[in-house]
Amino acid sequence: MRRARLYLITPPSIELDTFSSALQDALAGGDVACVQLRLKDAPDAEVLRIGATLKRIVQDASAAFILNDRPDLAAKLDADGVHVGQSDASTAQARAQLGKDKIVGATCHNSRHLAMEAAEAGADYVAFGAFYPTETKEPIHWADPEILEIWQETMETPCVAIGGITIDNAEPLVRAGADFLAVSAGVWHHPEGPRAAVAAFNALFDRLEA
């Protein structure tokens, strides 16, 4: 069983100075594979302004900086990659815009068919969810941990579990085969702070790998 890793997603709105400190605190807590900047309703200029600052912080911590939804802005930022949903650019379009060396991930809800299509189109990972209720957005699709088990048995493309994940409910998803856990509020709203949350997730991953 591969050791799972943490995939951090930013809060839905950001005050740059305050969040920069929170992000540095989180990244000091232990291994983080990547950080996705997710600002759904922000103007392009705001995404580029915030992204330029956060990219440096993320990359200085040896994590990958991923932009949500927008391959065009990811290219402008020279981000490490982009994550696209089913209503955004396709996996193939994102790959064409960013080139072969960047990370392209795809939302696949609860559909192995969508995930297989994304993998065949060159996605570096596929994301399943939501597994639990989440405050970040209202889920339309619900996934069962079994989809992670089946995916691991049949496909080689890494899979991400997303949706309402906290340190208290994460273990079944790791045991089912999630390569990455995508977490937002479970880190930023952790009662002991972001650094403690990241440390707790890493302790869980270490325990389940042993």
C-alpha atoms as a PDB file:
ATOM      1  CA  MET A   1       0.000   0.000   0.000  1.00  0.00           C
ATOM      2  CA  ARG A   2       1.417   3.340  -1.066  1.00  0.00           C
ATOM      3  CA  ARG A   3       1.636   5.976   1.620  1.00  0.00           C
ATOM      4  CA  ALA A   4      -1.150   8.500   1.165  1.00  0.00           C
ATOM      5  CA  ARG A   5      -0.288  12.180   0.939  1.00  0.00           C
ATOM      6  CA  LEU A   6      -2.096  15.419   1.707  1.00  0.00           C
ATOM      7  CA  TYR A   7      -3.524  17.630  -1.046  1.00  0.00           C
ATOM      8  CA  LEU A   8      -4.361  21.031   0.458  1.00  0.00           C
ATOM      9  CA  ILE A   9      -7.103  23.230  -0.994  1.00  0.00           C
ATOM     10  CA  THR A  10      -7.280  26.907  -0.097  1.00  0.00           C
ATOM     11  CA  PRO A  11     -10.377  28.427   1.567  1.00  0.00           C
ATOM     12  CA  PRO A  12     -13.029  29.873  -0.775  1.00  0.00           C
ATOM     13  CA  SER A  13     -11.971  33.443   0.046  1.00  0.00           C
ATOM     14  CA  ILE A  14      -8.540  34.712   1.030  1.00  0.00           C
ATOM     15  CA  GLU A  15      -7.100  37.765   2.745  1.00  0.00           C
ATOM     16  CA  LEU A  16      -3.575  37.464   1.404  1.00  0.00           C
ATOM     17  CA  ASP A  17      -1.454  38.568   4.381  1.00  0.00           C
ATOM     18  CA  THR A  18      -3.396  36.522   6.913  1.00  0.00           C
ATOM     19  CA  PHE A  19      -3.640  33.449   4.719  1.00  0.00           C
ATOM     20  CA  SER A  20       0.026  33.558   3.721  1.00  0.00           C
ATOM     21  CA  SER A  21       0.905  33.088   7.384  1.00  0.00           C
ATOM     22  CA  ALA A  22      -1.654  30.296   7.798  1.00  0.00           C
ATOM     23  CA  LEU A  23      -0.293  28.543   4.708  1.00  0.00           C
ATOM     24  CA  GLN A  24       3.283  28.732   5.945  1.00  0.00           C
ATOM     25  CA  ASP A  25       2.106  27.367   9.282  1.00  0.00           C
ATOM     26  CA  ALA A  26       0.329  24.458   7.582  1.00  0.00           C
ATOM     27  CA  LEU A  27       3.303  23.599   5.379  1.00  0.00           C
ATOM     28  CA  ALA A  28       5.534  23.511   8.460  1.00  0.00           C
ATOM     29  CA  GLY A  29       3.391  20.711   9.878  1.00  0.00           C
ATOM     30  CA  GLY A  30       4.734  17.972   7.638  1.00  0.00           C
ATOM     31  CA  ASP A  31       4.552  16.521   4.139  1.00  0.00           C
ATOM     32  CA  VAL A  32       2.124  18.216   1.749  1.00  0.00           C
ATOM     33  CA  ALA A  33       2.076  17.030  -1.854  1.00  0.00           C
ATOM     34  CA  CYS A  34       0.422  20.081  -3.345  1.00  0.00           C
ATOM     35  CA  VAL A  35      -1.687  23.141  -2.674  1.00  0.00           C
ATOM     36  CA  GLN A  36      -4.598  24.045  -4.934  1.00  0.00           C
ATOM     37  CA  LEU A  37      -5.612  27.695  -5.182  1.00  0.00           C
ATOM     38  CA  ARG A  38      -9.379  27.649  -5.490  1.00  0.00           C
ATOM     39  CA  LEU A  39     -10.958  31.088  -5.912  1.00  0.00           C
ATOM     40  CA  LYS A  40     -14.140  30.457  -7.863  1.00  0.00           C
ATOM     41  CA  ASP A  41     -15.549  33.975  -8.049  1.00  0.00           C
ATOM     42  CA  ALA A  42     -12.441  36.152  -7.932  1.00  0.00           C
ATOM     43  CA  PRO A  43     -11.489  38.341 -10.921  1.00  0.00           C
ATOM     44  CA  ASP A  44      -8.587  37.086 -13.010  1.00  0.00           C
ATOM     45  CA  ALA A  45      -6.297  39.857 -11.766  1.00  0.00           C
ATOM     46  CA  GLU A  46      -6.987  38.856  -8.166  1.00  0.00           C
ATOM     47  CA  VAL A  47      -6.255  35.183  -8.884  1.00  0.00           C
ATOM     48  CA  LEU A  48      -2.961  36.157 -10.536  1.00  0.00           C
ATOM     49  CA  ARG A  49      -2.007  38.518  -7.695  1.00  0.00           C
ATOM     50  CA  ILE A  50      -2.734  36.014  -4.939  1.00  0.00           C
ATOM     51  CA  GLY A  51      -1.372  33.128  -6.975  1.00  0.00           C
ATOM     52  CA  ALA A  52       2.004  34.775  -7.518  1.00  0.00           C
ATOM     53  CA  THR A  53       2.536  35.147  -3.772  1.00  0.00           C
ATOM     54  CA  LEU A  54       1.217  31.740  -2.756  1.00  0.00           C
ATOM     55  CA  LYS A  55       3.159  29.933  -5.475  1.00  0.00           C
ATOM     56  CA  ARG A  56       6.453  31.042  -3.922  1.00  0.00           C
ATOM     57  CA  ILE A  57       5.382  29.881  -0.463  1.00  0.00           C
ATOM     58  CA  VAL A  58       4.200  26.507  -1.747  1.00  0.00           C
ATOM     59  CA  GLN A  59       7.219  25.817  -3.914  1.00  0.00           C
ATOM     60  CA  ASP A  60       9.615  26.896  -1.159  1.00  0.00           C
ATOM     61  CA  ALA A  61       8.088  24.065   0.887  1.00  0.00           C
ATOM     62  CA  SER A  62       8.748  21.591  -1.970  1.00  0.00           C
ATOM     63  CA  ALA A  63       5.041  21.204  -2.716  1.00  0.00           C
ATOM     64  CA  ALA A  64       3.349  21.625  -6.092  1.00  0.00           C
ATOM     65  CA  PHE A  65       1.237  24.712  -6.748  1.00  0.00           C
ATOM     66  CA  ILE A  66      -2.012  23.839  -8.569  1.00  0.00           C
ATOM     67  CA  LEU A  67      -4.630  26.270  -9.886  1.00  0.00           C
ATOM     68  CA  ASN A  68      -8.290  25.338  -9.975  1.00  0.00           C
ATOM     69  CA  ASP A  69     -10.364  25.541 -13.174  1.00  0.00           C
ATOM     70  CA  ARG A  70      -8.237  27.806 -15.348  1.00  0.00           C
ATOM     71  CA  PRO A  71      -5.446  26.383 -17.537  1.00  0.00           C
ATOM     72  CA  ASP A  72      -4.963  29.825 -19.106  1.00  0.00           C
ATOM     73  CA  LEU A  73      -4.229  31.476 -15.753  1.00  0.00           C
ATOM     74  CA  ALA A  74      -2.142  28.484 -14.653  1.00  0.00           C
ATOM     75  CA  ALA A  75       0.010  29.052 -17.728  1.00  0.00           C
ATOM     76  CA  LYS A  76       0.342  32.784 -16.947  1.00  0.00           C
ATOM     77  CA  LEU A  77       1.394  31.979 -13.385  1.00  0.00           C
ATOM     78  CA  ASP A  78       3.695  29.176 -14.520  1.00  0.00           C
ATOM     79  CA  ALA A  79       1.933  27.060 -11.916  1.00  0.00           C
ATOM     80  CA  ASP A  80       2.942  23.449 -11.469  1.00  0.00           C
ATOM     81  CA  GLY A  81      -0.429  22.347 -12.757  1.00  0.00           C
ATOM     82  CA  VAL A  82      -4.184  22.775 -13.008  1.00  0.00           C
ATOM     83  CA  HIS A  83      -7.248  20.958 -11.732  1.00  0.00           C
ATOM     84  CA  VAL A  84     -10.266  20.953 -14.040  1.00  0.00           C
ATOM     85  CA  GLY A  85     -13.881  20.119 -13.277  1.00  0.00           C
ATOM     86  CA  GLN A  86     -16.405  18.599 -15.646  1.00  0.00           C
ATOM     87  CA  SER A  87     -17.724  22.065 -16.580  1.00  0.00           C
ATOM     88  CA  ASP A  88     -14.241  23.554 -17.119  1.00  0.00           C
ATOM     89  CA  ALA A  89     -11.702  22.939 -19.845  1.00  0.00           C
ATOM     90  CA  SER A  90     -11.301  19.271 -20.726  1.00  0.00           C
ATOM     91  CA  THR A  91      -8.292  17.261 -19.625  1.00  0.00           C
ATOM     92  CA  ALA A  92      -7.029  17.238 -23.198  1.00  0.00           C
ATOM     93  CA  GLN A  93      -7.461  21.025 -23.532  1.00  0.00           C
ATOM     94  CA  ALA A  94      -5.670  21.618 -20.234  1.00  0.00           C
ATOM     95  CA  ARG A  95      -2.822  19.366 -21.320  1.00  0.00           C
ATOM     96  CA  ALA A  96      -2.551  21.194 -24.646  1.00  0.00           C
ATOM     97  CA  GLN A  97      -2.383  24.580 -22.898  1.00  0.00           C
ATOM     98  CA  LEU A  98       0.093  23.605 -20.201  1.00  0.00           C
ATOM     99  CA  GLY A  99       2.304  21.095 -22.010  1.00  0.00           C
ATOM    100  CA  LYS A 100       3.413  17.594 -21.083  1.00  0.00           C
ATOM    101  CA  ASP A 101       5.496  18.508 -18.031  1.00  0.00           C
ATOM    102  CA  LYS A 102       2.754  20.119 -15.931  1.00  0.00           C
ATOM    103  CA  ILE A 103       0.259  18.367 -13.639  1.00  0.00           C
ATOM    104  CA  VAL A 104      -3.305  18.011 -14.893  1.00  0.00           C
ATOM    105  CA  GLY A 105      -5.955  16.651 -12.538  1.00  0.00           C
ATOM    106  CA  ALA A 106      -9.636  16.055 -13.197  1.00  0.00           C
ATOM    107  CA  THR A 107     -12.826  15.975 -11.137  1.00  0.00           C
ATOM    108  CA  CYS A 108     -14.667  12.719 -11.791  1.00  0.00           C
ATOM    109  CA  HIS A 109     -17.385  12.828  -9.100  1.00  0.00           C
ATOM    110  CA  ASN A 110     -18.524   9.244  -8.497  1.00  0.00           C
ATOM    111  CA  SER A 111     -17.938   7.991 -12.036  1.00  0.00           C
ATOM    112  CA  ARG A 112     -15.304   5.452 -13.008  1.00  0.00           C
ATOM    113  CA  HIS A 113     -16.275   6.114 -16.630  1.00  0.00           C
ATOM    114  CA  LEU A 114     -15.358   9.804 -16.343  1.00  0.00           C
ATOM    115  CA  ALA A 115     -12.166   8.842 -14.527  1.00  0.00           C
ATOM    116  CA  MET A 116     -11.154   6.386 -17.233  1.00  0.00           C
ATOM    117  CA  GLU A 117     -11.789   9.016 -19.889  1.00  0.00           C
ATOM    118  CA  ALA A 118      -9.648  11.512 -17.976  1.00  0.00           C
ATOM    119  CA  ALA A 119      -6.847   8.990 -17.492  1.00  0.00           C
ATOM    120  CA  GLU A 120      -6.893   8.108 -21.183  1.00  0.00           C
ATOM    121  CA  ALA A 121      -6.736  11.831 -22.019  1.00  0.00           C
ATOM    122  CA  GLY A 122      -3.554  12.185 -19.975  1.00  0.00           C
ATOM    123  CA  ALA A 123      -4.702  13.209 -16.485  1.00  0.00           C
ATOM    124  CA  ASP A 124      -2.001  12.815 -13.833  1.00  0.00           C
ATOM    125  CA  TYR A 125      -4.656  12.089 -11.221  1.00  0.00           C
ATOM    126  CA  VAL A 126      -8.430  11.702 -10.962  1.00  0.00           C
ATOM    127  CA  ALA A 127     -10.505  13.037  -8.054  1.00  0.00           C
ATOM    128  CA  PHE A 128     -13.538  11.246  -6.618  1.00  0.00           C
ATOM    129  CA  GLY A 129     -16.089  12.727  -4.212  1.00  0.00           C
ATOM    130  CA  ALA A 130     -17.770  14.108  -2.290  1.00  0.00           C
ATOM    131  CA  PHE A 131     -17.380  11.451   0.382  1.00  0.00           C
ATOM    132  CA  TYR A 132     -18.726  13.535   3.271  1.00  0.00           C
ATOM    133  CA  PRO A 133     -20.817  16.707   3.637  1.00  0.00           C
ATOM    134  CA  THR A 134     -18.723  19.818   3.100  1.00  0.00           C
ATOM    135  CA  GLU A 135     -19.092  23.506   3.843  1.00  0.00           C
ATOM    136  CA  THR A 136     -16.848  24.489   0.924  1.00  0.00           C
ATOM    137  CA  LYS A 137     -19.523  23.800  -1.682  1.00  0.00           C
ATOM    138  CA  GLU A 138     -22.831  21.962  -1.945  1.00  0.00           C
ATOM    139  CA  PRO A 139     -22.055  18.488  -3.332  1.00  0.00           C
ATOM    140  CA  ILE A 140     -24.132  17.304  -6.262  1.00  0.00           C
ATOM    141  CA  HIS A 141     -22.488  13.883  -6.421  1.00  0.00           C
ATOM    142  CA  TRP A 142     -21.733  11.496  -3.563  1.00  0.00           C
ATOM    143  CA  ALA A 143     -19.073   8.801  -3.723  1.00  0.00           C
ATOM    144  CA  ASP A 144     -18.581   5.611  -1.735  1.00  0.00           C
ATOM    145  CA  PRO A 145     -15.110   4.485  -0.594  1.00  0.00           C
ATOM    146  CA  GLU A 146     -15.598   1.348  -2.698  1.00  0.00           C
ATOM    147  CA  ILE A 147     -14.882   3.409  -5.825  1.00  0.00           C
ATOM    148  CA  LEU A 148     -11.340   3.963  -4.528  1.00  0.00           C
ATOM    149  CA  GLU A 149     -10.851   0.229  -3.987  1.00  0.00           C
ATOM    150  CA  ILE A 150     -12.070  -0.643  -7.470  1.00  0.00           C
ATOM    151  CA  TRP A 151      -9.964   2.088  -9.046  1.00  0.00           C
ATOM    152  CA  GLN A 152      -6.797   0.879  -7.322  1.00  0.00           C
ATOM    153  CA  GLU A 153      -7.477  -2.683  -8.458  1.00  0.00           C
ATOM    154  CA  THR A 154      -7.972  -1.749 -12.102  1.00  0.00           C
ATOM    155  CA  MET A 155      -6.078   1.463 -12.905  1.00  0.00           C
ATOM    156  CA  GLU A 156      -2.617   2.932 -12.341  1.00  0.00           C
ATOM    157  CA  THR A 157      -3.494   6.654 -12.456  1.00  0.00           C
ATOM    158  CA  PRO A 158      -3.412   8.026  -8.872  1.00  0.00           C
ATOM    159  CA  CYS A 159      -6.715   8.912  -7.234  1.00  0.00           C
ATOM    160  CA  VAL A 160      -7.671  11.760  -4.920  1.00  0.00           C
ATOM    161  CA  ALA A 161     -10.502  11.638  -2.392  1.00  0.00           C
ATOM    162  CA  ILE A 162     -12.285  14.936  -1.796  1.00  0.00           C
ATOM    163  CA  GLY A 163     -15.254  16.306   0.092  1.00  0.00           C
ATOM    164  CA  GLY A 164     -15.657  17.058   3.788  1.00  0.00           C
ATOM    165  CA  ILE A 165     -12.530  15.156   4.850  1.00  0.00           C
ATOM    166  CA  THR A 166     -11.225  15.710   8.374  1.00  0.00           C
ATOM    167  CA  ILE A 167      -8.708  13.901  10.520  1.00  0.00           C
ATOM    168  CA  ASP A 168     -11.642  12.145  12.221  1.00  0.00           C
ATOM    169  CA  ASN A 169     -13.159  10.619   9.065  1.00  0.00           C
ATOM    170  CA  ALA A 170     -10.095  10.178   6.859  1.00  0.00           C
ATOM    171  CA  GLU A 171      -9.010   6.658   7.781  1.00  0.00           C
ATOM    172  CA  PRO A 172     -11.608   4.694   5.739  1.00  0.00           C
ATOM    173  CA  LEU A 173     -10.614   6.611   2.599  1.00  0.00           C
ATOM    174  CA  VAL A 174      -6.923   5.867   3.086  1.00  0.00           C
ATOM    175  CA  ARG A 175      -7.678   2.198   3.747  1.00  0.00           C
ATOM    176  CA  ALA A 176      -9.826   2.107   0.596  1.00  0.00           C
ATOM    177  CA  GLY A 177      -6.859   3.235  -1.473  1.00  0.00           C
ATOM    178  CA  ALA A 178      -6.842   7.021  -1.821  1.00  0.00           C
ATOM    179  CA  ASP A 179      -3.400   8.142  -2.957  1.00  0.00           C
ATOM    180  CA  PHE A 180      -4.155  11.702  -1.867  1.00  0.00           C
ATOM    181  CA  LEU A 181      -6.676  13.277   0.487  1.00  0.00           C
ATOM    182  CA  ALA A 182      -7.867  16.703  -0.657  1.00  0.00           C
ATOM    183  CA  VAL A 183      -8.606  18.739   2.456  1.00  0.00           C
ATOM    184  CA  SER A 184      -9.703  22.340   2.969  1.00  0.00           C
ATOM    185  CA  ALA A 185     -11.720  23.170   6.103  1.00  0.00           C
ATOM    186  CA  GLY A 186     -10.326  20.065   7.825  1.00  0.00           C
ATOM    187  CA  VAL A 187      -6.987  21.888   7.948  1.00  0.00           C
ATOM    188  CA  TRP A 188      -7.881  25.588   8.026  1.00  0.00           C
ATOM    189  CA  HIS A 189     -10.603  25.163  10.681  1.00  0.00           C
ATOM    190  CA  HIS A 190      -8.796  22.575  12.792  1.00  0.00           C
ATOM    191  CA  PRO A 191      -9.200  23.534  16.476  1.00  0.00           C
ATOM    192  CA  GLU A 192      -5.449  23.331  17.084  1.00  0.00           C
ATOM    193  CA  GLY A 193      -4.498  25.198  13.917  1.00  0.00           C
ATOM    194  CA  PRO A 194      -3.268  24.276  10.421  1.00  0.00           C
ATOM    195  CA  ARG A 195       0.163  23.035  11.488  1.00  0.00           C
ATOM    196  CA  ALA A 196      -1.353  20.567  13.972  1.00  0.00           C
ATOM    197  CA  ALA A 197      -3.840  19.392  11.346  1.00  0.00           C
ATOM    198  CA  VAL A 198      -1.136  18.645   8.771  1.00  0.00           C
ATOM    199  CA  ALA A 199       0.927  16.863  11.417  1.00  0.00           C
ATOM    200  CA  ALA A 200      -2.094  14.762  12.406  1.00  0.00           C
ATOM    201  CA  PHE A 201      -2.812  13.735   8.812  1.00  0.00           C
ATOM    202  CA  ASN A 202       0.812  12.727   8.320  1.00  0.00           C
ATOM    203  CA  ALA A 203       0.772  10.703  11.531  1.00  0.00           C
ATOM    204  CA  LEU A 204      -2.316   8.883  10.229  1.00  0.00           C
ATOM    205  CA  PHE A 205      -0.659   8.164   6.869  1.00  0.00           C
ATOM    206  CA  ASP A 206       2.461   6.850   8.597  1.00  0.00           C
ATOM    207  CA  ARG A 207       0.420   4.587  10.877  1.00  0.00           C
ATOM    208  CA  LEU A 208      -1.616   3.094   8.035  1.00  0.00           C
ATOM    209  CA  GLU A 209       1.447   2.546   5.879  1.00  0.00           C
ATOM    210  CA  ALA A 210       3.272   0.626   8.633  1.00  0.00           C
END
